[in-house]
PDB file of N, CA and C in Angstrom:
ATOM      1  N   UNK A   1      96.223 138.516 -52.662  1.00  0.00           N
ATOM      2  CA  UNK A   1      95.522 137.383 -53.733  1.00  0.00           C
ATOM      3  C   UNK A   1      94.532 138.069 -54.857  1.00  0.00           C
ATOM      4  N   UNK A   2      94.992 137.515 -56.030  1.00  0.00           N
ATOM      5  CA  UNK A   2      94.117 138.185 -57.209  1.00  0.00           C
ATOM      6  C   UNK A   2      92.842 137.494 -57.290  1.00  0.00           C
ATOM      7  N   UNK A   3      91.641 138.493 -57.716  1.00  0.00           N
ATOM      8  CA  UNK A   3      90.794 137.303 -58.199  1.00  0.00           C
ATOM      9  C   UNK A   3      90.781 136.352 -59.667  1.00  0.00           C
ATOM     10  N   UNK A   4      90.179 135.515 -59.603  1.00  0.00           N
ATOM     11  CA  UNK A   4      90.242 134.631 -60.955  1.00  0.00           C
ATOM     12  C   UNK A   4      89.664 135.337 -61.982  1.00  0.00           C
ATOM     13  N   UNK A   5      90.104 134.672 -63.113  1.00  0.00           N
ATOM     14  CA  UNK A   5      90.079 135.343 -64.379  1.00  0.00           C
ATOM     15  C   UNK A   5      88.373 135.340 -64.627  1.00  0.00           C
ATOM     16  N   UNK A   6      87.939 134.225 -64.273  1.00  0.00           N
ATOM     17  CA  UNK A   6      86.391 134.047 -64.186  1.00  0.00           C
ATOM     18  C   UNK A   6      85.491 135.063 -63.336  1.00  0.00           C
ATOM     19  N   UNK A   7      86.437 135.282 -62.184  1.00  0.00           N
ATOM     20  CA  UNK A   7      85.639 136.513 -61.148  1.00  0.00           C
ATOM     21  C   UNK A   7      85.591 137.969 -61.872  1.00  0.00           C
ATOM     22  N   UNK A   8      86.855 138.080 -62.324  1.00  0.00           N
ATOM     23  CA  UNK A   8      86.629 139.333 -63.039  1.00  0.00           C
ATOM     24  C   UNK A   8      85.735 139.525 -64.247  1.00  0.00           C
ATOM     25  N   UNK A   9      85.828 138.303 -64.949  1.00  0.00           N
ATOM     26  CA  UNK A   9      84.819 138.640 -66.069  1.00  0.00           C
ATOM     27  C   UNK A   9      83.370 138.776 -65.507  1.00  0.00           C
ATOM     28  N   UNK A  10      83.372 137.872 -64.526  1.00  0.00           N
ATOM     29  CA  UNK A  10      81.847 138.166 -63.948  1.00  0.00           C
ATOM     30  C   UNK A  10      81.470 139.484 -63.480  1.00  0.00           C
ATOM     31  N   UNK A  11      82.500 139.919 -62.777  1.00  0.00           N
ATOM     32  CA  UNK A  11      82.362 141.470 -62.481  1.00  0.00           C
ATOM     33  C   UNK A  11      82.216 142.398 -63.631  1.00  0.00           C
ATOM     34  N   UNK A  12      83.175 142.494 -64.698  1.00  0.00           N
ATOM     35  CA  UNK A  12      82.861 143.154 -65.787  1.00  0.00           C
ATOM     36  C   UNK A  12      81.656 142.836 -66.347  1.00  0.00           C
ATOM     37  N   UNK A  13      81.079 141.800 -66.565  1.00  0.00           N
ATOM     38  CA  UNK A  13      79.772 141.358 -67.314  1.00  0.00           C
ATOM     39  C   UNK A  13      78.607 142.239 -66.065  1.00  0.00           C
ATOM     40  N   UNK A  14      78.709 142.307 -65.173  1.00  0.00           N
ATOM     41  CA  UNK A  14      77.918 142.942 -64.125  1.00  0.00           C
ATOM     42  C   UNK A  14      77.918 144.302 -64.360  1.00  0.00           C
ATOM     43  N   UNK A  15      78.986 144.840 -64.332  1.00  0.00           N
ATOM     44  CA  UNK A  15      79.285 146.323 -64.632  1.00  0.00           C
ATOM     45  C   UNK A  15      78.652 146.760 -65.856  1.00  0.00           C
ATOM     46  N   UNK A  16      78.929 145.988 -67.168  1.00  0.00           N
ATOM     47  CA  UNK A  16      78.436 146.145 -68.325  1.00  0.00           C
ATOM     48  C   UNK A  16      76.835 146.266 -68.160  1.00  0.00           C
ATOM     49  N   UNK A  17      76.140 145.418 -67.560  1.00  0.00           N
ATOM     50  CA  UNK A  17      74.695 145.294 -67.367  1.00  0.00           C
ATOM     51  C   UNK A  17      74.048 146.463 -66.617  1.00  0.00           C
ATOM     52  N   UNK A  18      74.713 146.916 -65.735  1.00  0.00           N
ATOM     53  CA  UNK A  18      74.563 148.052 -64.865  1.00  0.00           C
ATOM     54  C   UNK A  18      74.686 149.102 -65.615  1.00  0.00           C
ATOM     55  N   UNK A  19      75.421 149.175 -66.366  1.00  0.00           N
ATOM     56  CA  UNK A  19      75.948 150.704 -67.255  1.00  0.00           C
ATOM     57  C   UNK A  19      74.496 150.369 -68.329  1.00  0.00           C
ATOM     58  N   UNK A  20      74.412 149.748 -68.829  1.00  0.00           N
ATOM     59  CA  UNK A  20      73.367 149.676 -69.861  1.00  0.00           C
ATOM     60  C   UNK A  20      71.890 150.068 -69.194  1.00  0.00           C
ATOM     61  N   UNK A  21      71.748 149.151 -68.125  1.00  0.00           N
ATOM     62  CA  UNK A  21      70.450 149.852 -67.448  1.00  0.00           C
ATOM     63  C   UNK A  21      70.641 151.297 -67.426  1.00  0.00           C
ATOM     64  N   UNK A  22      71.609 151.738 -66.568  1.00  0.00           N
ATOM     65  CA  UNK A  22      71.769 153.324 -66.359  1.00  0.00           C
ATOM     66  C   UNK A  22      71.597 154.013 -67.559  1.00  0.00           C
ATOM     67  N   UNK A  23      71.998 153.693 -68.866  1.00  0.00           N
ATOM     68  CA  UNK A  23      72.098 154.274 -70.067  1.00  0.00           C
ATOM     69  C   UNK A  23      70.549 154.256 -70.383  1.00  0.00           C
ATOM     70  N   UNK A  24      69.868 153.272 -70.445  1.00  0.00           N
ATOM     71  CA  UNK A  24      68.541 153.153 -70.957  1.00  0.00           C
ATOM     72  C   UNK A  24      67.579 154.540 -70.049  1.00  0.00           C
ATOM     73  N   UNK A  25      68.031 154.329 -68.679  1.00  0.00           N
ATOM     74  CA  UNK A  25      67.031 155.262 -67.760  1.00  0.00           C
ATOM     75  C   UNK A  25      67.305 156.128 -68.252  1.00  0.00           C
ATOM     76  N   UNK A  26      68.973 157.031 -68.462  1.00  0.00           N
ATOM     77  CA  UNK A  26      69.090 158.311 -68.771  1.00  0.00           C
ATOM     78  C   UNK A  26      68.493 158.540 -70.186  1.00  0.00           C
ATOM     79  N   UNK A  27      68.320 157.896 -70.809  1.00  0.00           N
ATOM     80  CA  UNK A  27      67.650 158.048 -72.204  1.00  0.00           C
ATOM     81  C   UNK A  27      65.812 158.400 -71.879  1.00  0.00           C
ATOM     82  N   UNK A  28      65.217 157.534 -71.323  1.00  0.00           N
ATOM     83  CA  UNK A  28      64.065 157.695 -70.942  1.00  0.00           C
ATOM     84  C   UNK A  28      63.699 158.965 -70.401  1.00  0.00           C
ATOM     85  N   UNK A  29      64.707 159.158 -69.189  1.00  0.00           N
ATOM     86  CA  UNK A  29      64.649 160.341 -68.161  1.00  0.00           C
ATOM     87  C   UNK A  29      64.699 161.677 -69.310  1.00  0.00           C
ATOM     88  N   UNK A  30      65.666 161.468 -70.350  1.00  0.00           N
ATOM     89  CA  UNK A  30      65.570 162.682 -71.071  1.00  0.00           C
ATOM     90  C   UNK A  30      64.412 162.820 -72.038  1.00  0.00           C
ATOM     91  N   UNK A  31      63.607 162.027 -72.543  1.00  0.00           N
ATOM     92  CA  UNK A  31      62.715 161.883 -73.471  1.00  0.00           C
ATOM     93  C   UNK A  31      61.630 162.520 -72.589  1.00  0.00           C
ATOM     94  N   UNK A  32      61.532 162.438 -71.280  1.00  0.00           N
ATOM     95  CA  UNK A  32      60.898 162.940 -70.203  1.00  0.00           C
ATOM     96  C   UNK A  32      60.597 164.243 -70.431  1.00  0.00           C
ATOM     97  N   UNK A  33      62.142 164.699 -70.018  1.00  0.00           N
ATOM     98  CA  UNK A  33      62.100 166.156 -69.798  1.00  0.00           C
ATOM     99  C   UNK A  33      61.959 166.987 -71.164  1.00  0.00           C
ATOM    100  N   UNK A  34      62.457 166.289 -72.018  1.00  0.00           N
ATOM    101  CA  UNK A  34      62.073 167.098 -73.649  1.00  0.00           C
ATOM    102  C   UNK A  34      60.398 167.148 -73.780  1.00  0.00           C
ATOM    103  N   UNK A  35      59.729 166.053 -73.177  1.00  0.00           N
ATOM    104  CA  UNK A  35      58.266 166.260 -73.254  1.00  0.00           C
ATOM    105  C   UNK A  35      57.701 167.563 -72.397  1.00  0.00           C
ATOM    106  N   UNK A  36      58.335 167.653 -71.153  1.00  0.00           N
ATOM    107  CA  UNK A  36      57.983 168.295 -70.493  1.00  0.00           C
ATOM    108  C   UNK A  36      58.186 169.982 -70.837  1.00  0.00           C
ATOM    109  N   UNK A  37      59.319 169.985 -71.314  1.00  0.00           N
ATOM    110  CA  UNK A  37      59.749 171.225 -72.030  1.00  0.00           C
ATOM    111  C   UNK A  37      58.968 171.615 -73.162  1.00  0.00           C
ATOM    112  N   UNK A  38      58.646 170.838 -73.990  1.00  0.00           N
ATOM    113  CA  UNK A  38      57.497 171.091 -75.111  1.00  0.00           C
ATOM    114  C   UNK A  38      56.278 171.541 -74.363  1.00  0.00           C
ATOM    115  N   UNK A  39      55.737 170.775 -73.437  1.00  0.00           N
ATOM    116  CA  UNK A  39      54.413 171.283 -72.795  1.00  0.00           C
ATOM    117  C   UNK A  39      54.826 172.744 -72.078  1.00  0.00           C
ATOM    118  N   UNK A  40      55.814 173.063 -71.479  1.00  0.00           N
ATOM    119  CA  UNK A  40      56.114 174.169 -70.774  1.00  0.00           C
ATOM    120  C   UNK A  40      56.061 175.350 -72.102  1.00  0.00           C
ATOM    121  N   UNK A  41      56.742 175.170 -73.091  1.00  0.00           N
ATOM    122  CA  UNK A  41      57.010 176.312 -74.083  1.00  0.00           C
ATOM    123  C   UNK A  41      55.515 176.375 -74.706  1.00  0.00           C
ATOM    124  N   UNK A  42      54.410 175.144 -74.696  1.00  0.00           N
ATOM    125  CA  UNK A  42      53.225 175.514 -75.438  1.00  0.00           C
ATOM    126  C   UNK A  42      52.515 176.215 -74.161  1.00  0.00           C
ATOM    127  N   UNK A  43      52.463 176.179 -73.176  1.00  0.00           N
ATOM    128  CA  UNK A  43      51.583 176.564 -71.959  1.00  0.00           C
ATOM    129  C   UNK A  43      52.094 178.373 -72.140  1.00  0.00           C
ATOM    130  N   UNK A  44      53.747 178.373 -71.972  1.00  0.00           N
ATOM    131  CA  UNK A  44      54.029 179.814 -72.017  1.00  0.00           C
ATOM    132  C   UNK A  44      53.462 180.774 -73.282  1.00  0.00           C
ATOM    133  N   UNK A  45      53.915 179.940 -74.622  1.00  0.00           N
ATOM    134  CA  UNK A  45      53.097 180.695 -75.585  1.00  0.00           C
ATOM    135  C   UNK A  45      51.607 181.067 -75.429  1.00  0.00           C
ATOM    136  N   UNK A  46      50.780 179.837 -74.913  1.00  0.00           N
ATOM    137  CA  UNK A  46      49.345 180.125 -74.296  1.00  0.00           C
ATOM    138  C   UNK A  46      49.267 181.270 -73.454  1.00  0.00           C
ATOM    139  N   UNK A  47      50.140 181.243 -72.428  1.00  0.00           N
ATOM    140  CA  UNK A  47      49.755 182.358 -71.376  1.00  0.00           C
ATOM    141  C   UNK A  47      49.794 183.709 -72.241  1.00  0.00           C
ATOM    142  N   UNK A  48      51.125 183.826 -73.069  1.00  0.00           N
ATOM    143  CA  UNK A  48      51.401 185.062 -73.884  1.00  0.00           C
ATOM    144  C   UNK A  48      50.266 185.495 -74.954  1.00  0.00           C
ATOM    145  N   UNK A  49      49.809 184.342 -75.322  1.00  0.00           N
ATOM    146  CA  UNK A  49      48.602 184.828 -76.162  1.00  0.00           C
ATOM    147  C   UNK A  49      47.291 185.490 -75.667  1.00  0.00           C
ATOM    148  N   UNK A  50      47.384 184.744 -74.404  1.00  0.00           N
ATOM    149  CA  UNK A  50      45.856 184.929 -73.753  1.00  0.00           C
ATOM    150  C   UNK A  50      45.835 186.539 -73.159  1.00  0.00           C
ATOM    151  N   UNK A  51      47.172 186.697 -72.599  1.00  0.00           N
ATOM    152  CA  UNK A  51      47.525 188.121 -71.735  1.00  0.00           C
ATOM    153  C   UNK A  51      47.333 189.116 -73.228  1.00  0.00           C
ATOM    154  N   UNK A  52      47.905 189.132 -74.176  1.00  0.00           N
ATOM    155  CA  UNK A  52      47.902 189.905 -75.392  1.00  0.00           C
ATOM    156  C   UNK A  52      46.203 190.051 -75.606  1.00  0.00           C
ATOM    157  N   UNK A  53      45.586 188.808 -75.582  1.00  0.00           N
ATOM    158  CA  UNK A  53      44.153 189.118 -75.842  1.00  0.00           C
ATOM    159  C   UNK A  53      43.341 189.900 -74.997  1.00  0.00           C
ATOM    160  N   UNK A  54      43.613 189.734 -73.710  1.00  0.00           N
ATOM    161  CA  UNK A  54      42.970 190.624 -72.579  1.00  0.00           C
ATOM    162  C   UNK A  54      43.528 191.891 -72.967  1.00  0.00           C
ATOM    163  N   UNK A  55      44.841 192.132 -73.025  1.00  0.00           N
ATOM    164  CA  UNK A  55      45.091 193.309 -73.199  1.00  0.00           C
ATOM    165  C   UNK A  55      44.536 194.353 -74.527  1.00  0.00           C
ATOM    166  N   UNK A  56      44.221 193.494 -75.662  1.00  0.00           N
ATOM    167  CA  UNK A  56      43.763 194.205 -76.691  1.00  0.00           C
ATOM    168  C   UNK A  56      42.154 194.407 -76.435  1.00  0.00           C
ATOM    169  N   UNK A  57      41.740 193.345 -75.588  1.00  0.00           N
ATOM    170  CA  UNK A  57      40.297 193.914 -75.225  1.00  0.00           C
ATOM    171  C   UNK A  57      40.036 194.631 -74.103  1.00  0.00           C
ATOM    172  N   UNK A  58      40.952 195.610 -73.493  1.00  0.00           N
ATOM    173  CA  UNK A  58      40.985 196.551 -72.931  1.00  0.00           C
ATOM    174  C   UNK A  58      40.945 196.207 -71.517  1.00  0.00           C
ATOM    175  N   UNK A  59      40.930 194.868 -71.068  1.00  0.00           N
ATOM    176  CA  UNK A  59      41.069 194.543 -69.663  1.00  0.00           C
ATOM    177  C   UNK A  59      42.381 194.118 -69.128  1.00  0.00           C
ATOM    178  N   UNK A  60      43.021 194.641 -68.167  1.00  0.00           N
ATOM    179  CA  UNK A  60      44.096 194.511 -67.683  1.00  0.00           C
ATOM    180  C   UNK A  60      44.378 193.098 -66.821  1.00  0.00           C
ATOM    181  N   UNK A  61      45.303 192.423 -67.028  1.00  0.00           N
ATOM    182  CA  UNK A  61      46.074 191.037 -66.315  1.00  0.00           C
ATOM    183  C   UNK A  61      46.451 191.345 -65.228  1.00  0.00           C
ATOM    184  N   UNK A  62      46.062 191.286 -64.049  1.00  0.00           N
ATOM    185  CA  UNK A  62      46.795 191.377 -63.066  1.00  0.00           C
ATOM    186  C   UNK A  62      46.199 190.368 -61.955  1.00  0.00           C
ATOM    187  N   UNK A  63      46.681 190.551 -60.361  1.00  0.00           N
ATOM    188  CA  UNK A  63      46.332 189.873 -59.442  1.00  0.00           C
ATOM    189  C   UNK A  63      44.828 190.454 -59.227  1.00  0.00           C
ATOM    190  N   UNK A  64      43.968 189.164 -58.789  1.00  0.00           N
ATOM    191  CA  UNK A  64      42.491 189.764 -58.669  1.00  0.00           C
ATOM    192  C   UNK A  64      42.245 189.984 -57.286  1.00  0.00           C
ATOM    193  N   UNK A  65      41.085 190.783 -57.078  1.00  0.00           N
ATOM    194  CA  UNK A  65      40.890 191.459 -55.791  1.00  0.00           C
ATOM    195  C   UNK A  65      40.915 190.424 -54.804  1.00  0.00           C
ATOM    196  N   UNK A  66      41.303 190.871 -53.444  1.00  0.00           N
ATOM    197  CA  UNK A  66      40.743 189.494 -52.649  1.00  0.00           C
ATOM    198  C   UNK A  66      39.479 189.280 -52.164  1.00  0.00           C
ATOM    199  N   UNK A  67      39.100 187.975 -51.908  1.00  0.00           N
ATOM    200  CA  UNK A  67      37.564 188.013 -51.854  1.00  0.00           C
ATOM    201  C   UNK A  67      37.139 188.624 -50.261  1.00  0.00           C
ATOM    202  N   UNK A  68      35.739 189.083 -50.416  1.00  0.00           N
ATOM    203  CA  UNK A  68      35.184 190.027 -49.291  1.00  0.00           C
ATOM    204  C   UNK A  68      35.669 189.647 -47.699  1.00  0.00           C
ATOM    205  N   UNK A  69      35.647 188.334 -47.659  1.00  0.00           N
ATOM    206  CA  UNK A  69      36.034 187.813 -46.458  1.00  0.00           C
ATOM    207  C   UNK A  69      37.414 188.164 -45.524  1.00  0.00           C
ATOM    208  N   UNK A  70      38.165 188.786 -46.604  1.00  0.00           N
ATOM    209  CA  UNK A  70      39.614 188.952 -46.143  1.00  0.00           C
ATOM    210  C   UNK A  70      39.571 190.457 -45.698  1.00  0.00           C
TER     211      UNK A  70
END
């Protein structure tokens, strides 16, 4: 038994609405990921700049000595 044309149309509309929602979510997620990448890039540049500055001042950047209680 085949579904009626009205039932098929209702399913098609439902699928289109779900697709539009998923597409919007994908675009929002893409924007969030892009902003996070910009933040990561800025932090990477800042870290590099601070490391170079510390090396220029004669101090070496490395792991800190453990606290005396260890």
